[in-house]
């Protein structure tokens, strides 16, 4: 099933994420919103803060993502910046202590939500907007990590991150292990002491730039993680894969790292029991928590990520149809 899912089903789901007509249909389905609540922490700031409080009470750290991507106009980019500034103002009031230099609260942002795709000066606009968010985060005592998107934006994204780290050396970035270039990128940023969230990758990329076989992707992830563990930065192991998670302690020991020298990261609503187990055994765990009304693209990528997520959605859809024949 995993091989069939990766080869045949996942590309179809990801293609659905780019279909506007299908998006409008799916967004109107009541069952969709029911399932979305498993993966998205709410549409309002009050809702996300309630969930942040619950996670912090359980000992987990949090990375908050205001949903929105592929913005194509300046007004939309400005609105995204304002949403992040408002969020950071509120998070700053929380007064969270810093543990050994690690900030329990973080925001994650996509540069495409900040104007990166604008036809005129998109990279410059995204850089300026990201700078404004980093400045607000610094005042609030909150970290920022720049998310990865499609491979077409990777070089632009890394260029912006390099520039921003001059003034904000704590700025983190996401690298996708399924991209063939990522091993080299890990070497560069690990040597520079960066915080790096290593993920497998959630976009449909061609074989020319990305590994597509499941075993190859896992192998690339572990090779990249070994580089991060041996580097001078702060690795963030973003995976739900039991193979990856079980490999982490040995890689950490090999590089002389203790539980306080890296963290695990998982998505909101996925493997909650495993998140708690890792915390209970003395590890740092951060939960990636998205919120907002623009949830469709994120939701589709979660369905495409694991067969279990898709089955959860289909089961909910079937149960609703049985209740309402």
C-alpha atoms as a PDB file:
ATOM      1  CA  UNK A   1       0.000   0.000   0.000  1.00  0.00           C
ATOM      2  CA  UNK A   2       2.703   2.626   0.834  1.00  0.00           C
ATOM      3  CA  UNK A   3       4.347   2.143  -2.574  1.00  0.00           C
ATOM      4  CA  UNK A   4       1.042   2.389  -4.428  1.00  0.00           C
ATOM      5  CA  UNK A   5       0.084   5.439  -2.379  1.00  0.00           C
ATOM      6  CA  UNK A   6       3.344   7.249  -3.183  1.00  0.00           C
ATOM      7  CA  UNK A   7       3.350   6.376  -6.885  1.00  0.00           C
ATOM      8  CA  UNK A   8      -0.301   6.715  -7.828  1.00  0.00           C
ATOM      9  CA  UNK A   9      -2.517   8.259  -5.156  1.00  0.00           C
ATOM     10  CA  UNK A  10      -0.302  10.998  -3.721  1.00  0.00           C
ATOM     11  CA  UNK A  11       0.266  12.814  -7.069  1.00  0.00           C
ATOM     12  CA  UNK A  12      -3.500  12.862  -7.694  1.00  0.00           C
ATOM     13  CA  UNK A  13      -4.197  14.367  -4.270  1.00  0.00           C
ATOM     14  CA  UNK A  14      -1.511  17.022  -4.710  1.00  0.00           C
ATOM     15  CA  UNK A  15      -2.905  17.905  -8.136  1.00  0.00           C
ATOM     16  CA  UNK A  16      -6.304  18.381  -6.474  1.00  0.00           C
ATOM     17  CA  UNK A  17      -4.676  20.962  -4.245  1.00  0.00           C
ATOM     18  CA  UNK A  18      -4.086  23.138  -7.324  1.00  0.00           C
ATOM     19  CA  UNK A  19      -7.641  22.835  -8.702  1.00  0.00           C
ATOM     20  CA  UNK A  20      -9.640  25.936  -7.772  1.00  0.00           C
ATOM     21  CA  UNK A  21     -13.020  24.466  -8.679  1.00  0.00           C
ATOM     22  CA  UNK A  22     -12.430  21.378  -6.544  1.00  0.00           C
ATOM     23  CA  UNK A  23     -11.145  23.571  -3.733  1.00  0.00           C
ATOM     24  CA  UNK A  24     -14.418  25.516  -3.663  1.00  0.00           C
ATOM     25  CA  UNK A  25     -16.427  22.292  -3.548  1.00  0.00           C
ATOM     26  CA  UNK A  26     -14.338  20.694  -0.804  1.00  0.00           C
ATOM     27  CA  UNK A  27     -14.301  23.830   1.337  1.00  0.00           C
ATOM     28  CA  UNK A  28     -18.104  23.836   1.407  1.00  0.00           C
ATOM     29  CA  UNK A  29     -18.421  20.237   2.627  1.00  0.00           C
ATOM     30  CA  UNK A  30     -19.340  20.169   6.346  1.00  0.00           C
ATOM     31  CA  UNK A  31     -17.408  16.918   6.798  1.00  0.00           C
ATOM     32  CA  UNK A  32     -14.263  18.586   5.492  1.00  0.00           C
ATOM     33  CA  UNK A  33     -14.336  21.204   8.209  1.00  0.00           C
ATOM     34  CA  UNK A  34     -14.883  18.447  10.782  1.00  0.00           C
ATOM     35  CA  UNK A  35     -11.739  16.651   9.617  1.00  0.00           C
ATOM     36  CA  UNK A  36      -9.777  19.871   9.200  1.00  0.00           C
ATOM     37  CA  UNK A  37     -10.155  20.532  12.929  1.00  0.00           C
ATOM     38  CA  UNK A  38      -7.871  17.562  13.510  1.00  0.00           C
ATOM     39  CA  UNK A  39      -5.028  19.208  11.586  1.00  0.00           C
ATOM     40  CA  UNK A  40      -5.741  22.945  11.974  1.00  0.00           C
ATOM     41  CA  UNK A  41      -5.933  24.633  15.373  1.00  0.00           C
ATOM     42  CA  UNK A  42      -8.753  27.008  14.442  1.00  0.00           C
ATOM     43  CA  UNK A  43      -9.494  29.990  12.267  1.00  0.00           C
ATOM     44  CA  UNK A  44      -9.117  32.727  14.895  1.00  0.00           C
ATOM     45  CA  UNK A  45      -6.351  33.995  17.135  1.00  0.00           C
ATOM     46  CA  UNK A  46      -8.377  33.126  20.250  1.00  0.00           C
ATOM     47  CA  UNK A  47      -8.715  29.514  19.086  1.00  0.00           C
ATOM     48  CA  UNK A  48      -5.017  29.080  18.422  1.00  0.00           C
ATOM     49  CA  UNK A  49      -4.041  30.628  21.759  1.00  0.00           C
ATOM     50  CA  UNK A  50      -6.293  28.175  23.574  1.00  0.00           C
ATOM     51  CA  UNK A  51      -4.544  25.292  21.845  1.00  0.00           C
ATOM     52  CA  UNK A  52      -1.110  26.799  22.504  1.00  0.00           C
ATOM     53  CA  UNK A  53      -1.910  26.927  26.221  1.00  0.00           C
ATOM     54  CA  UNK A  54      -2.935  23.253  26.217  1.00  0.00           C
ATOM     55  CA  UNK A  55       0.259  22.166  24.465  1.00  0.00           C
ATOM     56  CA  UNK A  56       2.475  24.233  26.720  1.00  0.00           C
ATOM     57  CA  UNK A  57       0.755  22.704  29.768  1.00  0.00           C
ATOM     58  CA  UNK A  58       1.756  19.276  28.433  1.00  0.00           C
ATOM     59  CA  UNK A  59       5.400  20.362  28.187  1.00  0.00           C
ATOM     60  CA  UNK A  60       5.501  20.743  24.415  1.00  0.00           C
ATOM     61  CA  UNK A  61       6.864  23.710  22.497  1.00  0.00           C
ATOM     62  CA  UNK A  62       4.886  25.298  19.664  1.00  0.00           C
ATOM     63  CA  UNK A  63       5.471  26.659  16.173  1.00  0.00           C
ATOM     64  CA  UNK A  64       2.490  28.609  14.839  1.00  0.00           C
ATOM     65  CA  UNK A  65       1.805  28.976  11.137  1.00  0.00           C
ATOM     66  CA  UNK A  66      -0.689  31.546   9.886  1.00  0.00           C
ATOM     67  CA  UNK A  67      -2.105  29.777   6.857  1.00  0.00           C
ATOM     68  CA  UNK A  68      -1.800  31.491   3.521  1.00  0.00           C
ATOM     69  CA  UNK A  69       0.495  30.979   0.541  1.00  0.00           C
ATOM     70  CA  UNK A  70       0.955  31.868  -3.111  1.00  0.00           C
ATOM     71  CA  UNK A  71      -0.115  35.474  -2.534  1.00  0.00           C
ATOM     72  CA  UNK A  72      -0.202  37.310  -5.875  1.00  0.00           C
ATOM     73  CA  UNK A  73      -0.935  40.900  -4.813  1.00  0.00           C
ATOM     74  CA  UNK A  74       0.702  43.403  -2.498  1.00  0.00           C
ATOM     75  CA  UNK A  75      -2.404  43.866  -0.351  1.00  0.00           C
ATOM     76  CA  UNK A  76      -2.493  40.147   0.417  1.00  0.00           C
ATOM     77  CA  UNK A  77       1.168  40.168   1.402  1.00  0.00           C
ATOM     78  CA  UNK A  78       0.645  43.190   3.643  1.00  0.00           C
ATOM     79  CA  UNK A  79      -2.315  41.443   5.303  1.00  0.00           C
ATOM     80  CA  UNK A  80      -0.137  38.392   6.045  1.00  0.00           C
ATOM     81  CA  UNK A  81       2.517  40.566   7.656  1.00  0.00           C
ATOM     82  CA  UNK A  82      -0.075  42.297   9.814  1.00  0.00           C
ATOM     83  CA  UNK A  83      -1.536  38.952  10.896  1.00  0.00           C
ATOM     84  CA  UNK A  84       1.915  37.807  12.041  1.00  0.00           C
ATOM     85  CA  UNK A  85       2.636  41.083  13.833  1.00  0.00           C
ATOM     86  CA  UNK A  86      -0.698  40.844  15.668  1.00  0.00           C
ATOM     87  CA  UNK A  87       0.060  37.227  16.607  1.00  0.00           C
ATOM     88  CA  UNK A  88       3.533  38.110  17.855  1.00  0.00           C
ATOM     89  CA  UNK A  89       2.195  41.006  19.927  1.00  0.00           C
ATOM     90  CA  UNK A  90      -0.073  38.566  21.748  1.00  0.00           C
ATOM     91  CA  UNK A  91       2.626  35.914  22.129  1.00  0.00           C
ATOM     92  CA  UNK A  92       4.930  38.542  23.599  1.00  0.00           C
ATOM     93  CA  UNK A  93       2.450  39.061  26.427  1.00  0.00           C
ATOM     94  CA  UNK A  94       2.771  35.380  27.378  1.00  0.00           C
ATOM     95  CA  UNK A  95       6.197  36.060  28.868  1.00  0.00           C
ATOM     96  CA  UNK A  96       7.494  32.550  28.122  1.00  0.00           C
ATOM     97  CA  UNK A  97      10.914  31.881  29.676  1.00  0.00           C
ATOM     98  CA  UNK A  98      13.839  30.831  27.486  1.00  0.00           C
ATOM     99  CA  UNK A  99      15.326  27.415  28.320  1.00  0.00           C
ATOM    100  CA  UNK A 100      19.058  27.121  27.585  1.00  0.00           C
ATOM    101  CA  UNK A 101      18.647  29.586  24.745  1.00  0.00           C
ATOM    102  CA  UNK A 102      15.664  27.699  23.279  1.00  0.00           C
ATOM    103  CA  UNK A 103      12.457  29.664  22.834  1.00  0.00           C
ATOM    104  CA  UNK A 104       9.308  27.638  23.520  1.00  0.00           C
ATOM    105  CA  UNK A 105       7.231  29.765  21.146  1.00  0.00           C
ATOM    106  CA  UNK A 106       7.925  30.173  17.452  1.00  0.00           C
ATOM    107  CA  UNK A 107       6.142  31.271  14.313  1.00  0.00           C
ATOM    108  CA  UNK A 108       6.627  29.622  10.937  1.00  0.00           C
ATOM    109  CA  UNK A 109       6.126  31.567   7.743  1.00  0.00           C
ATOM    110  CA  UNK A 110       6.007  30.906   4.034  1.00  0.00           C
ATOM    111  CA  UNK A 111       7.669  33.510   1.866  1.00  0.00           C
ATOM    112  CA  UNK A 112       5.027  33.006  -0.827  1.00  0.00           C
ATOM    113  CA  UNK A 113       2.560  34.464   1.683  1.00  0.00           C
ATOM    114  CA  UNK A 114       4.772  37.551   1.962  1.00  0.00           C
ATOM    115  CA  UNK A 115       4.915  38.394  -1.745  1.00  0.00           C
ATOM    116  CA  UNK A 116       7.738  36.197  -3.046  1.00  0.00           C
ATOM    117  CA  UNK A 117       5.679  35.292  -6.138  1.00  0.00           C
ATOM    118  CA  UNK A 118       4.810  38.874  -7.074  1.00  0.00           C
ATOM    119  CA  UNK A 119       5.830  39.650 -10.648  1.00  0.00           C
ATOM    120  CA  UNK A 120       7.680  42.852  -9.763  1.00  0.00           C
ATOM    121  CA  UNK A 121      10.309  42.741  -7.014  1.00  0.00           C
ATOM    122  CA  UNK A 122       8.748  39.692  -5.353  1.00  0.00           C
ATOM    123  CA  UNK A 123      11.955  38.545  -3.682  1.00  0.00           C
ATOM    124  CA  UNK A 124      12.733  42.047  -2.409  1.00  0.00           C
ATOM    125  CA  UNK A 125       9.198  42.489  -1.048  1.00  0.00           C
ATOM    126  CA  UNK A 126       9.251  39.088   0.672  1.00  0.00           C
ATOM    127  CA  UNK A 127      12.641  39.868   2.223  1.00  0.00           C
ATOM    128  CA  UNK A 128      11.405  43.196   3.595  1.00  0.00           C
ATOM    129  CA  UNK A 129       8.210  41.638   4.929  1.00  0.00           C
ATOM    130  CA  UNK A 130      10.094  38.778   6.558  1.00  0.00           C
ATOM    131  CA  UNK A 131      12.474  41.299   8.137  1.00  0.00           C
ATOM    132  CA  UNK A 132       9.520  43.139   9.674  1.00  0.00           C
ATOM    133  CA  UNK A 133       8.189  39.885  11.128  1.00  0.00           C
ATOM    134  CA  UNK A 134      11.614  38.929  12.500  1.00  0.00           C
ATOM    135  CA  UNK A 135      11.938  42.338  14.153  1.00  0.00           C
ATOM    136  CA  UNK A 136       8.515  41.912  15.785  1.00  0.00           C
ATOM    137  CA  UNK A 137       9.480  38.388  16.892  1.00  0.00           C
ATOM    138  CA  UNK A 138      12.714  39.628  18.444  1.00  0.00           C
ATOM    139  CA  UNK A 139      10.767  42.169  20.490  1.00  0.00           C
ATOM    140  CA  UNK A 140       8.356  39.442  21.602  1.00  0.00           C
ATOM    141  CA  UNK A 141      11.051  36.884  22.467  1.00  0.00           C
ATOM    142  CA  UNK A 142       9.706  34.460  19.871  1.00  0.00           C
ATOM    143  CA  UNK A 143      11.599  32.517  17.222  1.00  0.00           C
ATOM    144  CA  UNK A 144      10.871  32.530  13.478  1.00  0.00           C
ATOM    145  CA  UNK A 145      11.448  29.677  11.039  1.00  0.00           C
ATOM    146  CA  UNK A 146      11.097  30.088   7.272  1.00  0.00           C
ATOM    147  CA  UNK A 147       9.199  27.201   5.701  1.00  0.00           C
ATOM    148  CA  UNK A 148      10.218  25.409   2.520  1.00  0.00           C
ATOM    149  CA  UNK A 149       7.900  25.360  -0.480  1.00  0.00           C
ATOM    150  CA  UNK A 150       8.291  24.053  -4.021  1.00  0.00           C
ATOM    151  CA  UNK A 151      11.804  23.479  -5.364  1.00  0.00           C
ATOM    152  CA  UNK A 152      11.337  26.391  -7.790  1.00  0.00           C
ATOM    153  CA  UNK A 153      11.541  28.773  -4.808  1.00  0.00           C
ATOM    154  CA  UNK A 154      14.400  27.090  -2.917  1.00  0.00           C
ATOM    155  CA  UNK A 155      17.273  29.252  -4.140  1.00  0.00           C
ATOM    156  CA  UNK A 156      15.327  32.474  -3.575  1.00  0.00           C
ATOM    157  CA  UNK A 157      14.248  31.325  -0.106  1.00  0.00           C
ATOM    158  CA  UNK A 158      17.761  30.376   0.992  1.00  0.00           C
ATOM    159  CA  UNK A 159      19.115  33.686  -0.332  1.00  0.00           C
ATOM    160  CA  UNK A 160      16.574  35.585   1.766  1.00  0.00           C
ATOM    161  CA  UNK A 161      17.373  33.490   4.835  1.00  0.00           C
ATOM    162  CA  UNK A 162      21.105  34.144   4.436  1.00  0.00           C
ATOM    163  CA  UNK A 163      20.441  37.884   4.312  1.00  0.00           C
ATOM    164  CA  UNK A 164      18.108  37.872   7.325  1.00  0.00           C
ATOM    165  CA  UNK A 165      20.460  35.806   9.481  1.00  0.00           C
ATOM    166  CA  UNK A 166      22.957  38.675   9.415  1.00  0.00           C
ATOM    167  CA  UNK A 167      20.663  40.614  11.772  1.00  0.00           C
ATOM    168  CA  UNK A 168      18.703  37.649  13.176  1.00  0.00           C
ATOM    169  CA  UNK A 169      21.170  34.769  13.638  1.00  0.00           C
ATOM    170  CA  UNK A 170      18.494  32.790  15.521  1.00  0.00           C
ATOM    171  CA  UNK A 171      16.331  32.597  12.377  1.00  0.00           C
ATOM    172  CA  UNK A 172      15.559  29.006  11.427  1.00  0.00           C
ATOM    173  CA  UNK A 173      14.918  27.449   8.050  1.00  0.00           C
ATOM    174  CA  UNK A 174      13.314  24.321   6.674  1.00  0.00           C
ATOM    175  CA  UNK A 175      15.185  21.942   4.374  1.00  0.00           C
ATOM    176  CA  UNK A 176      13.463  19.113   2.500  1.00  0.00           C
ATOM    177  CA  UNK A 177      15.337  15.814   2.475  1.00  0.00           C
ATOM    178  CA  UNK A 178      13.742  14.559  -0.721  1.00  0.00           C
ATOM    179  CA  UNK A 179      15.466  17.279  -2.770  1.00  0.00           C
ATOM    180  CA  UNK A 180      18.755  16.099  -4.242  1.00  0.00           C
ATOM    181  CA  UNK A 181      20.454  19.390  -3.341  1.00  0.00           C
ATOM    182  CA  UNK A 182      19.584  19.244   0.362  1.00  0.00           C
ATOM    183  CA  UNK A 183      22.633  17.311   1.571  1.00  0.00           C
ATOM    184  CA  UNK A 184      24.816  20.192   0.356  1.00  0.00           C
ATOM    185  CA  UNK A 185      22.450  22.802   1.850  1.00  0.00           C
ATOM    186  CA  UNK A 186      22.602  20.982   5.190  1.00  0.00           C
ATOM    187  CA  UNK A 187      26.384  21.120   5.116  1.00  0.00           C
ATOM    188  CA  UNK A 188      26.332  24.877   4.468  1.00  0.00           C
ATOM    189  CA  UNK A 189      23.811  25.888   7.105  1.00  0.00           C
ATOM    190  CA  UNK A 190      24.935  23.386   9.760  1.00  0.00           C
ATOM    191  CA  UNK A 191      28.453  24.817   9.489  1.00  0.00           C
ATOM    192  CA  UNK A 192      26.984  28.311   9.891  1.00  0.00           C
ATOM    193  CA  UNK A 193      25.273  27.292  13.152  1.00  0.00           C
ATOM    194  CA  UNK A 194      21.722  27.660  11.885  1.00  0.00           C
ATOM    195  CA  UNK A 195      18.556  26.171  13.314  1.00  0.00           C
ATOM    196  CA  UNK A 196      17.359  23.714  10.693  1.00  0.00           C
ATOM    197  CA  UNK A 197      14.024  21.927  10.582  1.00  0.00           C
ATOM    198  CA  UNK A 198      14.577  18.846   8.455  1.00  0.00           C
ATOM    199  CA  UNK A 199      11.452  17.475   6.776  1.00  0.00           C
ATOM    200  CA  UNK A 200      10.991  14.815   4.117  1.00  0.00           C
ATOM    201  CA  UNK A 201       9.052  17.110   1.756  1.00  0.00           C
ATOM    202  CA  UNK A 202       5.380  17.487   0.880  1.00  0.00           C
ATOM    203  CA  UNK A 203       5.299  18.812  -2.699  1.00  0.00           C
ATOM    204  CA  UNK A 204       5.102  16.843  -5.937  1.00  0.00           C
ATOM    205  CA  UNK A 205       8.579  17.281  -7.407  1.00  0.00           C
ATOM    206  CA  UNK A 206      10.079  15.722 -10.573  1.00  0.00           C
ATOM    207  CA  UNK A 207      12.716  12.999 -10.323  1.00  0.00           C
ATOM    208  CA  UNK A 208      15.272  15.383 -11.804  1.00  0.00           C
ATOM    209  CA  UNK A 209      15.345  17.401  -8.572  1.00  0.00           C
ATOM    210  CA  UNK A 210      13.918  15.044  -5.939  1.00  0.00           C
ATOM    211  CA  UNK A 211      14.043  11.455  -4.763  1.00  0.00           C
ATOM    212  CA  UNK A 212      10.663   9.853  -5.283  1.00  0.00           C
ATOM    213  CA  UNK A 213      11.180   6.377  -3.856  1.00  0.00           C
ATOM    214  CA  UNK A 214      10.136   6.115  -0.218  1.00  0.00           C
ATOM    215  CA  UNK A 215      13.280   4.236   0.849  1.00  0.00           C
ATOM    216  CA  UNK A 216      15.527   6.718  -0.971  1.00  0.00           C
ATOM    217  CA  UNK A 217      13.823   9.636   0.767  1.00  0.00           C
ATOM    218  CA  UNK A 218      14.262   8.060   4.183  1.00  0.00           C
ATOM    219  CA  UNK A 219      17.916   7.314   3.406  1.00  0.00           C
ATOM    220  CA  UNK A 220      18.463  10.927   2.323  1.00  0.00           C
ATOM    221  CA  UNK A 221      16.761  12.157   5.488  1.00  0.00           C
ATOM    222  CA  UNK A 222      19.078  10.136   7.723  1.00  0.00           C
ATOM    223  CA  UNK A 223      22.187  11.198   5.793  1.00  0.00           C
ATOM    224  CA  UNK A 224      21.154  14.848   6.095  1.00  0.00           C
ATOM    225  CA  UNK A 225      20.317  14.444   9.776  1.00  0.00           C
ATOM    226  CA  UNK A 226      23.772  13.014  10.450  1.00  0.00           C
ATOM    227  CA  UNK A 227      25.247  16.195   8.939  1.00  0.00           C
ATOM    228  CA  UNK A 228      23.028  18.393  11.111  1.00  0.00           C
ATOM    229  CA  UNK A 229      23.847  16.478  14.278  1.00  0.00           C
ATOM    230  CA  UNK A 230      27.581  16.804  13.539  1.00  0.00           C
ATOM    231  CA  UNK A 231      27.303  20.525  12.778  1.00  0.00           C
ATOM    232  CA  UNK A 232      27.284  23.531  15.081  1.00  0.00           C
ATOM    233  CA  UNK A 233      23.612  24.416  14.636  1.00  0.00           C
ATOM    234  CA  UNK A 234      20.404  23.264  16.289  1.00  0.00           C
ATOM    235  CA  UNK A 235      18.747  20.322  14.497  1.00  0.00           C
ATOM    236  CA  UNK A 236      14.963  20.092  14.486  1.00  0.00           C
ATOM    237  CA  UNK A 237      13.899  16.563  13.584  1.00  0.00           C
ATOM    238  CA  UNK A 238      10.539  17.028  11.891  1.00  0.00           C
ATOM    239  CA  UNK A 239       9.211  13.553  11.185  1.00  0.00           C
ATOM    240  CA  UNK A 240       6.480  11.114  12.191  1.00  0.00           C
ATOM    241  CA  UNK A 241       8.351   8.166  10.659  1.00  0.00           C
ATOM    242  CA  UNK A 242       9.132   5.515  13.319  1.00  0.00           C
ATOM    243  CA  UNK A 243      12.286   4.577  11.380  1.00  0.00           C
ATOM    244  CA  UNK A 244      13.590   8.130  11.630  1.00  0.00           C
ATOM    245  CA  UNK A 245      12.556   8.631  15.250  1.00  0.00           C
ATOM    246  CA  UNK A 246      14.178   5.374  16.366  1.00  0.00           C
ATOM    247  CA  UNK A 247      17.417   6.379  14.619  1.00  0.00           C
ATOM    248  CA  UNK A 248      17.725   9.750  16.360  1.00  0.00           C
ATOM    249  CA  UNK A 249      19.212   8.708  19.744  1.00  0.00           C
ATOM    250  CA  UNK A 250      22.138   6.888  18.111  1.00  0.00           C
ATOM    251  CA  UNK A 251      22.841   9.786  15.745  1.00  0.00           C
ATOM    252  CA  UNK A 252      22.751  12.223  18.671  1.00  0.00           C
ATOM    253  CA  UNK A 253      25.147  10.097  20.750  1.00  0.00           C
ATOM    254  CA  UNK A 254      27.461   9.718  17.756  1.00  0.00           C
ATOM    255  CA  UNK A 255      27.789  13.519  17.643  1.00  0.00           C
ATOM    256  CA  UNK A 256      27.948  14.025  21.408  1.00  0.00           C
ATOM    257  CA  UNK A 257      24.528  15.641  21.630  1.00  0.00           C
ATOM    258  CA  UNK A 258      22.191  15.269  24.593  1.00  0.00           C
ATOM    259  CA  UNK A 259      18.373  15.676  24.608  1.00  0.00           C
ATOM    260  CA  UNK A 260      18.759  19.434  25.086  1.00  0.00           C
ATOM    261  CA  UNK A 261      20.861  19.883  21.954  1.00  0.00           C
ATOM    262  CA  UNK A 262      18.114  19.209  19.409  1.00  0.00           C
ATOM    263  CA  UNK A 263      14.357  18.815  19.261  1.00  0.00           C
ATOM    264  CA  UNK A 264      11.716  16.656  17.658  1.00  0.00           C
ATOM    265  CA  UNK A 265       8.919  18.305  15.722  1.00  0.00           C
ATOM    266  CA  UNK A 266       5.554  16.900  14.717  1.00  0.00           C
ATOM    267  CA  UNK A 267       2.363  18.264  13.208  1.00  0.00           C
ATOM    268  CA  UNK A 268      -0.642  19.288  15.238  1.00  0.00           C
ATOM    269  CA  UNK A 269      -3.136  16.422  15.339  1.00  0.00           C
ATOM    270  CA  UNK A 270      -0.723  13.691  14.254  1.00  0.00           C
ATOM    271  CA  UNK A 271       0.792  11.051  16.585  1.00  0.00           C
ATOM    272  CA  UNK A 272      -0.180  12.916  19.742  1.00  0.00           C
ATOM    273  CA  UNK A 273       0.601   9.919  21.952  1.00  0.00           C
ATOM    274  CA  UNK A 274       4.100   9.669  20.470  1.00  0.00           C
ATOM    275  CA  UNK A 275       4.640  13.388  21.086  1.00  0.00           C
ATOM    276  CA  UNK A 276       3.739  12.906  24.750  1.00  0.00           C
ATOM    277  CA  UNK A 277       5.938   9.803  25.027  1.00  0.00           C
ATOM    278  CA  UNK A 278       8.942  11.714  23.755  1.00  0.00           C
ATOM    279  CA  UNK A 279       8.312  14.553  26.224  1.00  0.00           C
ATOM    280  CA  UNK A 280       7.872  12.096  29.098  1.00  0.00           C
ATOM    281  CA  UNK A 281      11.258  10.532  28.297  1.00  0.00           C
ATOM    282  CA  UNK A 282      13.035  13.881  28.585  1.00  0.00           C
ATOM    283  CA  UNK A 283      13.047  15.115  24.999  1.00  0.00           C
ATOM    284  CA  UNK A 284      12.148  18.481  23.541  1.00  0.00           C
ATOM    285  CA  UNK A 285       9.128  18.296  21.251  1.00  0.00           C
ATOM    286  CA  UNK A 286       7.679  21.164  19.229  1.00  0.00           C
ATOM    287  CA  UNK A 287       4.250  20.975  17.596  1.00  0.00           C
ATOM    288  CA  UNK A 288       3.690  22.698  14.254  1.00  0.00           C
ATOM    289  CA  UNK A 289       0.300  24.359  14.683  1.00  0.00           C
ATOM    290  CA  UNK A 290      -1.415  25.995  11.684  1.00  0.00           C
ATOM    291  CA  UNK A 291      -4.407  28.297  11.970  1.00  0.00           C
ATOM    292  CA  UNK A 292      -6.474  30.584   9.797  1.00  0.00           C
ATOM    293  CA  UNK A 293      -9.117  30.396   7.097  1.00  0.00           C
ATOM    294  CA  UNK A 294      -6.799  29.563   4.169  1.00  0.00           C
ATOM    295  CA  UNK A 295      -6.421  25.927   5.173  1.00  0.00           C
ATOM    296  CA  UNK A 296      -7.122  24.091   1.902  1.00  0.00           C
ATOM    297  CA  UNK A 297      -3.569  23.774   0.535  1.00  0.00           C
ATOM    298  CA  UNK A 298      -2.201  22.673   3.896  1.00  0.00           C
ATOM    299  CA  UNK A 299      -5.054  20.200   4.366  1.00  0.00           C
ATOM    300  CA  UNK A 300      -4.483  18.588   0.962  1.00  0.00           C
ATOM    301  CA  UNK A 301      -0.759  18.145   1.642  1.00  0.00           C
ATOM    302  CA  UNK A 302      -1.584  16.389   4.925  1.00  0.00           C
ATOM    303  CA  UNK A 303      -3.932  13.992   3.103  1.00  0.00           C
ATOM    304  CA  UNK A 304      -1.167  13.292   0.573  1.00  0.00           C
ATOM    305  CA  UNK A 305       1.448  12.764   3.256  1.00  0.00           C
ATOM    306  CA  UNK A 306       0.271   9.521   4.836  1.00  0.00           C
ATOM    307  CA  UNK A 307      -2.298   6.857   3.874  1.00  0.00           C
ATOM    308  CA  UNK A 308      -3.628   7.031   7.447  1.00  0.00           C
ATOM    309  CA  UNK A 309      -4.578  10.704   7.010  1.00  0.00           C
ATOM    310  CA  UNK A 310      -6.463   9.991   3.795  1.00  0.00           C
ATOM    311  CA  UNK A 311      -8.253   7.040   5.372  1.00  0.00           C
ATOM    312  CA  UNK A 312      -9.273   9.227   8.311  1.00  0.00           C
ATOM    313  CA  UNK A 313     -10.897  11.695   5.901  1.00  0.00           C
ATOM    314  CA  UNK A 314     -12.596   8.992   3.820  1.00  0.00           C
ATOM    315  CA  UNK A 315     -13.902   7.261   6.949  1.00  0.00           C
ATOM    316  CA  UNK A 316     -15.415  10.520   8.206  1.00  0.00           C
ATOM    317  CA  UNK A 317     -16.981  11.134   4.801  1.00  0.00           C
ATOM    318  CA  UNK A 318     -18.481   7.613   4.728  1.00  0.00           C
ATOM    319  CA  UNK A 319     -19.849   7.940   8.253  1.00  0.00           C
ATOM    320  CA  UNK A 320     -21.558  11.213   7.356  1.00  0.00           C
ATOM    321  CA  UNK A 321     -23.137   9.693   4.256  1.00  0.00           C
ATOM    322  CA  UNK A 322     -24.457   6.804   6.341  1.00  0.00           C
ATOM    323  CA  UNK A 323     -26.029   9.240   8.786  1.00  0.00           C
ATOM    324  CA  UNK A 324     -27.523  11.297   5.946  1.00  0.00           C
ATOM    325  CA  UNK A 325     -28.461   8.840   3.142  1.00  0.00           C
END
